[in-house]
Amino acid sequence: MAQRVVWSPIAADNFEKAVEHIAVNSRNYAALFARKILEMTKKLEDFPELGRIVPEYSNAVLRELFHGNYRIVYRIKNDLIEIVALAHCSQLRRTYS
């Protein structure tokens, strides 16, 4: 059964800022980046455990996917997948729980 994917306000803001940052150098690459991130998160509807468990937390409901140097952190909540963060891997980690 497919689960609904939602983005937290912080994650949505991170996504917009990442796309804007990439677009400074290449609008084409920014569009490709955005499309790929959205495709990856869409797959979570049918495969919520696709990503690995976030090693810092060792909690099966908090998982992550990677695209290039970007980390997509999400939480599995019953019939909902919540994208909690999109961050460049060079950024300091923050608390997701």
N, C-alpha and C. Protein backbone atom coordinates (compact mmCIF):
# COMPACT_ATOMS: atom_id res chain seq x y z
N MET A 1 0.83 -1.18 0.00
CA MET A 1 0.00 0.00 0.00
C MET A 1 0.89 1.25 0.00
N ALA A 2 0.59 2.16 -0.86
CA ALA A 2 1.39 3.38 -1.00
C ALA A 2 1.17 4.29 0.19
N GLN A 3 2.25 4.92 0.61
CA GLN A 3 2.19 5.88 1.71
C GLN A 3 2.34 7.27 1.13
N ARG A 4 1.81 8.23 1.83
CA ARG A 4 1.87 9.62 1.39
C ARG A 4 3.20 10.23 1.83
N VAL A 5 3.85 10.96 0.94
CA VAL A 5 5.11 11.65 1.25
C VAL A 5 4.80 13.13 1.43
N VAL A 6 5.24 13.68 2.57
CA VAL A 6 5.08 15.11 2.83
C VAL A 6 6.45 15.68 3.21
N TRP A 7 6.63 16.94 2.92
CA TRP A 7 7.87 17.64 3.25
C TRP A 7 7.62 18.56 4.43
N SER A 8 8.50 18.50 5.42
CA SER A 8 8.41 19.46 6.53
C SER A 8 8.74 20.84 5.96
N PRO A 9 8.27 21.90 6.62
CA PRO A 9 8.61 23.25 6.13
C PRO A 9 10.12 23.47 6.02
N ILE A 10 10.88 22.96 6.98
CA ILE A 10 12.34 23.13 6.95
C ILE A 10 12.93 22.41 5.74
N ALA A 11 12.49 21.17 5.50
CA ALA A 11 13.02 20.41 4.37
C ALA A 11 12.65 21.08 3.04
N ALA A 12 11.42 21.57 2.94
CA ALA A 12 10.99 22.26 1.71
C ALA A 12 11.84 23.50 1.47
N ASP A 13 12.12 24.23 2.54
CA ASP A 13 12.97 25.42 2.43
C ASP A 13 14.39 25.03 2.02
N ASN A 14 14.92 23.95 2.62
CA ASN A 14 16.26 23.45 2.25
C ASN A 14 16.30 23.10 0.76
N PHE A 15 15.25 22.46 0.27
CA PHE A 15 15.16 22.05 -1.14
C PHE A 15 15.20 23.28 -2.04
N GLU A 16 14.37 24.27 -1.73
CA GLU A 16 14.33 25.49 -2.55
C GLU A 16 15.69 26.19 -2.57
N LYS A 17 16.32 26.29 -1.40
CA LYS A 17 17.62 26.95 -1.32
C LYS A 17 18.70 26.19 -2.09
N ALA A 18 18.65 24.87 -2.03
CA ALA A 18 19.64 24.06 -2.77
C ALA A 18 19.47 24.27 -4.27
N VAL A 19 18.23 24.26 -4.73
CA VAL A 19 17.97 24.45 -6.16
C VAL A 19 18.41 25.85 -6.59
N GLU A 20 18.10 26.85 -5.78
CA GLU A 20 18.52 28.22 -6.09
C GLU A 20 20.04 28.34 -6.13
N HIS A 21 20.70 27.70 -5.18
CA HIS A 21 22.17 27.75 -5.13
C HIS A 21 22.78 27.11 -6.38
N ILE A 22 22.27 25.97 -6.77
CA ILE A 22 22.79 25.28 -7.97
C ILE A 22 22.49 26.10 -9.23
N ALA A 23 21.33 26.75 -9.26
CA ALA A 23 20.92 27.53 -10.44
C ALA A 23 21.83 28.73 -10.70
N VAL A 24 22.54 29.20 -9.68
CA VAL A 24 23.46 30.32 -9.88
C VAL A 24 24.48 29.98 -10.97
N ASN A 25 24.92 28.72 -10.98
CA ASN A 25 25.90 28.28 -11.97
C ASN A 25 25.28 27.58 -13.18
N SER A 26 24.14 26.91 -12.96
CA SER A 26 23.52 26.17 -14.06
C SER A 26 22.03 25.94 -13.80
N ARG A 27 21.20 26.65 -14.54
CA ARG A 27 19.76 26.45 -14.40
C ARG A 27 19.37 25.05 -14.85
N ASN A 28 20.06 24.54 -15.85
CA ASN A 28 19.76 23.20 -16.36
C ASN A 28 20.06 22.14 -15.29
N TYR A 29 21.24 22.24 -14.67
CA TYR A 29 21.60 21.27 -13.65
C TYR A 29 20.67 21.40 -12.43
N ALA A 30 20.27 22.62 -12.10
CA ALA A 30 19.35 22.82 -10.98
C ALA A 30 18.01 22.11 -11.25
N ALA A 31 17.53 22.21 -12.48
CA ALA A 31 16.28 21.53 -12.84
C ALA A 31 16.44 20.01 -12.78
N LEU A 32 17.57 19.51 -13.26
CA LEU A 32 17.83 18.06 -13.19
C LEU A 32 17.93 17.60 -11.73
N PHE A 33 18.61 18.38 -10.90
CA PHE A 33 18.76 18.08 -9.49
C PHE A 33 17.38 18.00 -8.82
N ALA A 34 16.55 19.01 -9.05
CA ALA A 34 15.22 19.05 -8.45
C ALA A 34 14.39 17.85 -8.88
N ARG A 35 14.43 17.54 -10.17
CA ARG A 35 13.67 16.40 -10.69
C ARG A 35 14.12 15.10 -10.03
N LYS A 36 15.43 14.90 -9.91
CA LYS A 36 15.96 13.68 -9.33
C LYS A 36 15.56 13.55 -7.85
N ILE A 37 15.66 14.62 -7.09
CA ILE A 37 15.27 14.59 -5.68
C ILE A 37 13.79 14.23 -5.56
N LEU A 38 12.96 14.84 -6.38
CA LEU A 38 11.52 14.56 -6.32
C LEU A 38 11.22 13.12 -6.74
N GLU A 39 11.93 12.60 -7.73
CA GLU A 39 11.75 11.20 -8.14
C GLU A 39 12.14 10.25 -7.01
N MET A 40 13.25 10.55 -6.36
CA MET A 40 13.71 9.69 -5.26
C MET A 40 12.70 9.68 -4.11
N THR A 41 12.19 10.85 -3.75
CA THR A 41 11.24 10.90 -2.63
C THR A 41 9.90 10.28 -3.02
N LYS A 42 9.54 10.36 -4.29
CA LYS A 42 8.30 9.72 -4.77
C LYS A 42 8.37 8.20 -4.62
N LYS A 43 9.54 7.61 -4.84
CA LYS A 43 9.71 6.16 -4.69
C LYS A 43 9.41 5.70 -3.27
N LEU A 44 9.56 6.60 -2.31
CA LEU A 44 9.30 6.23 -0.92
C LEU A 44 7.84 5.89 -0.67
N GLU A 45 6.95 6.36 -1.54
CA GLU A 45 5.53 6.01 -1.39
C GLU A 45 5.34 4.50 -1.39
N ASP A 46 6.06 3.82 -2.26
CA ASP A 46 5.93 2.37 -2.38
C ASP A 46 7.03 1.60 -1.66
N PHE A 47 8.15 2.24 -1.41
CA PHE A 47 9.30 1.59 -0.78
C PHE A 47 9.83 2.45 0.37
N PRO A 48 9.08 2.56 1.46
CA PRO A 48 9.48 3.47 2.54
C PRO A 48 10.80 3.10 3.22
N GLU A 49 11.22 1.87 3.13
CA GLU A 49 12.48 1.47 3.75
C GLU A 49 13.63 1.44 2.75
N LEU A 50 13.47 2.15 1.64
CA LEU A 50 14.49 2.21 0.60
C LEU A 50 15.82 2.75 1.12
N GLY A 51 15.75 3.78 1.93
CA GLY A 51 16.96 4.40 2.45
C GLY A 51 17.55 3.63 3.62
N ARG A 52 18.79 3.95 3.93
CA ARG A 52 19.43 3.29 5.07
C ARG A 52 19.03 3.99 6.36
N ILE A 53 19.15 3.28 7.46
CA ILE A 53 18.92 3.86 8.77
C ILE A 53 20.00 4.91 9.02
N VAL A 54 19.62 6.07 9.53
CA VAL A 54 20.59 7.13 9.82
C VAL A 54 21.51 6.61 10.92
N PRO A 55 22.79 6.45 10.62
CA PRO A 55 23.70 5.81 11.57
C PRO A 55 23.85 6.54 12.91
N GLU A 56 23.71 7.85 12.91
CA GLU A 56 23.85 8.60 14.16
C GLU A 56 22.75 8.30 15.17
N TYR A 57 21.62 7.78 14.68
CA TYR A 57 20.46 7.57 15.55
C TYR A 57 20.10 6.10 15.74
N SER A 58 20.46 5.24 14.81
CA SER A 58 20.15 3.80 14.90
C SER A 58 18.67 3.56 15.23
N ASN A 59 17.81 4.30 14.55
CA ASN A 59 16.37 4.17 14.75
C ASN A 59 15.77 3.83 13.39
N ALA A 60 15.08 2.70 13.28
CA ALA A 60 14.58 2.21 12.00
C ALA A 60 13.57 3.14 11.33
N VAL A 61 12.97 4.06 12.06
CA VAL A 61 12.00 4.97 11.45
C VAL A 61 12.66 6.22 10.86
N LEU A 62 13.92 6.46 11.19
CA LEU A 62 14.63 7.62 10.66
C LEU A 62 15.66 7.13 9.65
N ARG A 63 15.45 7.47 8.38
CA ARG A 63 16.25 6.93 7.30
C ARG A 63 16.77 8.04 6.40
N GLU A 64 17.69 7.66 5.50
CA GLU A 64 18.25 8.66 4.60
C GLU A 64 18.57 8.07 3.23
N LEU A 65 18.49 8.94 2.25
CA LEU A 65 18.90 8.64 0.88
C LEU A 65 19.95 9.68 0.52
N PHE A 66 20.73 9.37 -0.49
CA PHE A 66 21.75 10.31 -0.96
C PHE A 66 21.59 10.54 -2.46
N HIS A 67 21.80 11.79 -2.85
CA HIS A 67 21.91 12.14 -4.27
C HIS A 67 23.13 13.04 -4.37
N GLY A 68 24.17 12.53 -4.99
CA GLY A 68 25.41 13.29 -5.06
C GLY A 68 25.89 13.62 -3.66
N ASN A 69 26.10 14.89 -3.40
CA ASN A 69 26.55 15.34 -2.08
C ASN A 69 25.40 15.76 -1.17
N TYR A 70 24.19 15.40 -1.53
CA TYR A 70 23.03 15.79 -0.73
C TYR A 70 22.42 14.60 -0.01
N ARG A 71 22.04 14.86 1.21
CA ARG A 71 21.45 13.86 2.10
C ARG A 71 19.97 14.20 2.29
N ILE A 72 19.10 13.23 2.02
CA ILE A 72 17.66 13.39 2.21
C ILE A 72 17.30 12.55 3.43
N VAL A 73 16.91 13.20 4.50
CA VAL A 73 16.56 12.50 5.74
C VAL A 73 15.04 12.48 5.85
N TYR A 74 14.51 11.28 6.14
CA TYR A 74 13.05 11.16 6.26
C TYR A 74 12.68 10.25 7.42
N ARG A 75 11.43 10.43 7.86
CA ARG A 75 10.90 9.67 9.00
C ARG A 75 9.67 8.89 8.53
N ILE A 76 9.59 7.64 8.92
CA ILE A 76 8.43 6.80 8.61
C ILE A 76 7.45 6.93 9.77
N LYS A 77 6.24 7.38 9.47
CA LYS A 77 5.19 7.55 10.48
C LYS A 77 3.92 6.86 9.99
N ASN A 78 3.62 5.69 10.48
CA ASN A 78 2.42 4.94 10.11
C ASN A 78 2.20 4.96 8.59
N ASP A 79 1.21 5.71 8.11
CA ASP A 79 0.92 5.75 6.67
C ASP A 79 1.51 7.00 6.01
N LEU A 80 2.52 7.58 6.62
CA LEU A 80 3.08 8.84 6.16
C LEU A 80 4.60 8.77 6.15
N ILE A 81 5.20 9.34 5.12
CA ILE A 81 6.64 9.51 5.05
C ILE A 81 6.89 11.01 5.11
N GLU A 82 7.63 11.45 6.13
CA GLU A 82 7.92 12.87 6.28
C GLU A 82 9.38 13.15 5.94
N ILE A 83 9.60 13.96 4.92
CA ILE A 83 10.95 14.41 4.59
C ILE A 83 11.28 15.48 5.62
N VAL A 84 12.29 15.23 6.44
CA VAL A 84 12.60 16.16 7.52
C VAL A 84 13.77 17.08 7.21
N ALA A 85 14.63 16.67 6.25
CA ALA A 85 15.77 17.54 5.92
C ALA A 85 16.35 17.17 4.56
N LEU A 86 16.87 18.17 3.89
CA LEU A 86 17.69 17.99 2.70
C LEU A 86 18.91 18.85 2.97
N ALA A 87 20.07 18.22 3.05
CA ALA A 87 21.27 18.97 3.42
C ALA A 87 22.46 18.52 2.61
N HIS A 88 23.33 19.47 2.30
CA HIS A 88 24.60 19.12 1.67
C HIS A 88 25.42 18.37 2.70
N CYS A 89 26.10 17.34 2.27
CA CYS A 89 26.86 16.49 3.20
C CYS A 89 27.95 17.25 3.96
N SER A 90 28.37 18.40 3.45
CA SER A 90 29.39 19.17 4.15
C SER A 90 28.81 19.97 5.31
N GLN A 91 27.48 20.08 5.38
CA GLN A 91 26.86 20.83 6.46
C GLN A 91 26.90 20.03 7.75
N LEU A 92 26.95 20.74 8.84
CA LEU A 92 26.92 20.07 10.14
C LEU A 92 25.57 19.37 10.31
N ARG A 93 25.62 18.21 10.95
CA ARG A 93 24.36 17.50 11.15
C ARG A 93 23.56 18.17 12.25
N ARG A 94 22.27 18.04 12.16
CA ARG A 94 21.39 18.61 13.18
C ARG A 94 20.52 17.51 13.73
N THR A 95 19.75 17.82 14.73
CA THR A 95 18.87 16.83 15.34
C THR A 95 17.62 16.68 14.49
N TYR A 96 17.30 15.45 14.13
CA TYR A 96 16.13 15.15 13.30
C TYR A 96 15.00 14.56 14.10
N SER A 97 15.26 14.13 15.32
CA SER A 97 14.21 13.47 16.09
C SER A 97 13.32 14.44 16.82
